[in-house]
Each structure stands twice: as C-alpha cells, then as structure tokens.
C-alpha atoms as a PDB file:
ATOM      1  CA  UNK A   1       0.000   0.000   0.000  1.00  0.00           C
ATOM      2  CA  UNK A   2       1.222   3.514  -0.784  1.00  0.00           C
ATOM      3  CA  UNK A   3       0.991   6.371   1.687  1.00  0.00           C
ATOM      4  CA  UNK A   4       0.988  10.022   0.813  1.00  0.00           C
ATOM      5  CA  UNK A   5       3.578  12.137   2.612  1.00  0.00           C
ATOM      6  CA  UNK A   6       2.361  14.887   4.916  1.00  0.00           C
ATOM      7  CA  UNK A   7       4.097  17.521   2.766  1.00  0.00           C
ATOM      8  CA  UNK A   8       2.118  16.424  -0.315  1.00  0.00           C
ATOM      9  CA  UNK A   9      -1.166  16.560   1.591  1.00  0.00           C
ATOM     10  CA  UNK A  10      -0.332  20.033   2.890  1.00  0.00           C
ATOM     11  CA  UNK A  11       0.606  21.286  -0.589  1.00  0.00           C
ATOM     12  CA  UNK A  12      -2.606  19.889  -2.103  1.00  0.00           C
ATOM     13  CA  UNK A  13      -4.607  21.502   0.689  1.00  0.00           C
ATOM     14  CA  UNK A  14      -3.004  24.904   0.147  1.00  0.00           C
ATOM     15  CA  UNK A  15      -3.401  24.945  -3.646  1.00  0.00           C
ATOM     16  CA  UNK A  16      -7.034  23.880  -3.437  1.00  0.00           C
ATOM     17  CA  UNK A  17      -7.769  26.463  -0.738  1.00  0.00           C
ATOM     18  CA  UNK A  18      -6.308  29.229  -2.938  1.00  0.00           C
ATOM     19  CA  UNK A  19      -8.693  28.328  -5.760  1.00  0.00           C
ATOM     20  CA  UNK A  20     -11.634  27.951  -3.386  1.00  0.00           C
ATOM     21  CA  UNK A  21     -10.769  31.192  -1.551  1.00  0.00           C
ATOM     22  CA  UNK A  22     -10.768  33.279  -4.707  1.00  0.00           C
ATOM     23  CA  UNK A  23     -14.093  31.846  -5.827  1.00  0.00           C
ATOM     24  CA  UNK A  24     -15.620  32.412  -2.376  1.00  0.00           C
ATOM     25  CA  UNK A  25     -14.510  36.031  -2.264  1.00  0.00           C
ATOM     26  CA  UNK A  26     -16.054  36.638  -5.679  1.00  0.00           C
ATOM     27  CA  UNK A  27     -19.351  34.927  -4.813  1.00  0.00           C
ATOM     28  CA  UNK A  28     -19.608  36.714  -1.461  1.00  0.00           C
ATOM     29  CA  UNK A  29     -18.852  40.039  -3.100  1.00  0.00           C
ATOM     30  CA  UNK A  30     -21.630  39.450  -5.637  1.00  0.00           C
ATOM     31  CA  UNK A  31     -24.019  38.643  -2.777  1.00  0.00           C
ATOM     32  CA  UNK A  32     -23.116  41.367  -0.269  1.00  0.00           C
ATOM     33  CA  UNK A  33     -21.288  43.971  -2.341  1.00  0.00           C
ATOM     34  CA  UNK A  34     -18.485  44.635   0.174  1.00  0.00           C
ATOM     35  CA  UNK A  35     -14.896  43.540  -0.569  1.00  0.00           C
ATOM     36  CA  UNK A  36     -13.663  43.822   3.026  1.00  0.00           C
ATOM     37  CA  UNK A  37     -16.449  41.716   4.459  1.00  0.00           C
ATOM     38  CA  UNK A  38     -16.166  39.203   1.610  1.00  0.00           C
ATOM     39  CA  UNK A  39     -12.437  38.742   2.208  1.00  0.00           C
ATOM     40  CA  UNK A  40     -12.809  38.506   6.006  1.00  0.00           C
ATOM     41  CA  UNK A  41     -15.540  35.867   5.844  1.00  0.00           C
ATOM     42  CA  UNK A  42     -13.646  33.898   3.207  1.00  0.00           C
ATOM     43  CA  UNK A  43     -10.524  33.842   5.373  1.00  0.00           C
ATOM     44  CA  UNK A  44     -12.396  32.450   8.366  1.00  0.00           C
ATOM     45  CA  UNK A  45     -14.276  29.863   6.309  1.00  0.00           C
ATOM     46  CA  UNK A  46     -11.191  28.657   4.459  1.00  0.00           C
ATOM     47  CA  UNK A  47      -8.950  28.389   7.494  1.00  0.00           C
ATOM     48  CA  UNK A  48     -11.470  26.001   9.026  1.00  0.00           C
ATOM     49  CA  UNK A  49     -11.922  24.102   5.758  1.00  0.00           C
ATOM     50  CA  UNK A  50      -8.153  23.727   5.286  1.00  0.00           C
ATOM     51  CA  UNK A  51      -7.800  21.987   8.631  1.00  0.00           C
ATOM     52  CA  UNK A  52     -10.803  19.750   7.938  1.00  0.00           C
ATOM     53  CA  UNK A  53      -9.481  18.846   4.481  1.00  0.00           C
ATOM     54  CA  UNK A  54      -6.100  17.870   5.921  1.00  0.00           C
ATOM     55  CA  UNK A  55      -7.760  15.609   8.505  1.00  0.00           C
ATOM     56  CA  UNK A  56      -9.995  14.110   5.807  1.00  0.00           C
ATOM     57  CA  UNK A  57      -6.998  13.282   3.591  1.00  0.00           C
ATOM     58  CA  UNK A  58      -5.032  11.708   6.431  1.00  0.00           C
ATOM     59  CA  UNK A  59      -7.994   9.510   7.418  1.00  0.00           C
ATOM     60  CA  UNK A  60      -8.416   8.342   3.812  1.00  0.00           C
ATOM     61  CA  UNK A  61      -4.699   7.550   3.606  1.00  0.00           C
ATOM     62  CA  UNK A  62      -5.208   4.957   6.349  1.00  0.00           C
ATOM     63  CA  UNK A  63      -7.644   3.100   4.120  1.00  0.00           C
ATOM     64  CA  UNK A  64      -6.842   0.977   1.107  1.00  0.00           C
ATOM     65  CA  UNK A  65     -10.386   1.312  -0.234  1.00  0.00           C
ATOM     66  CA  UNK A  66     -10.300   1.721  -4.016  1.00  0.00           C
ATOM     67  CA  UNK A  67      -6.518   1.323  -4.271  1.00  0.00           C
ATOM     68  CA  UNK A  68      -4.488  -1.417  -5.840  1.00  0.00           C
ATOM     69  CA  UNK A  69      -0.800  -2.068  -6.205  1.00  0.00           C
ATOM     70  CA  UNK A  70       0.392  -2.190  -9.787  1.00  0.00           C
ATOM     71  CA  UNK A  71       3.437  -4.217 -10.648  1.00  0.00           C
ATOM     72  CA  UNK A  72       5.997  -2.724 -13.028  1.00  0.00           C
END
C-alpha cells in the first residue's frame, strides 16, 4: 500500500484552498457587495476548511479502499 507524505497533503490543501478562496470572495462580493467583508468571511471559512481537508486526507490515507498495487 502507498501512503501520501504529509508535505504532499499540505501542498494539495493549500493549492485547493487558494482556488476555493478566490471563488468564495467573488461569490460573497456578488451577494453582499463589500470587498472587506467578503475577504474577512472567506478567510475564516477557508482556514477552518483547510484543517478539515487535511484531517480528511489523512484519514483516507489509512484506508486501502479503491486502491491497488500495480506491478511494473
């Protein structure tokens, strides 16, 4: 079984959060019309989601569900 390194999980989490953060700021701005509030709320939301995503990935890495070893 292969295990993902912590550094890879962290990097994936950060790159995804950047994409999600930008989209959240834009959607919130369209809904409330205030850049400052949109950025603040996006920061709070995405800090929490980054931690939850990391935990989610680490839990899945303990499972071999849907994985198979391929021989060369």
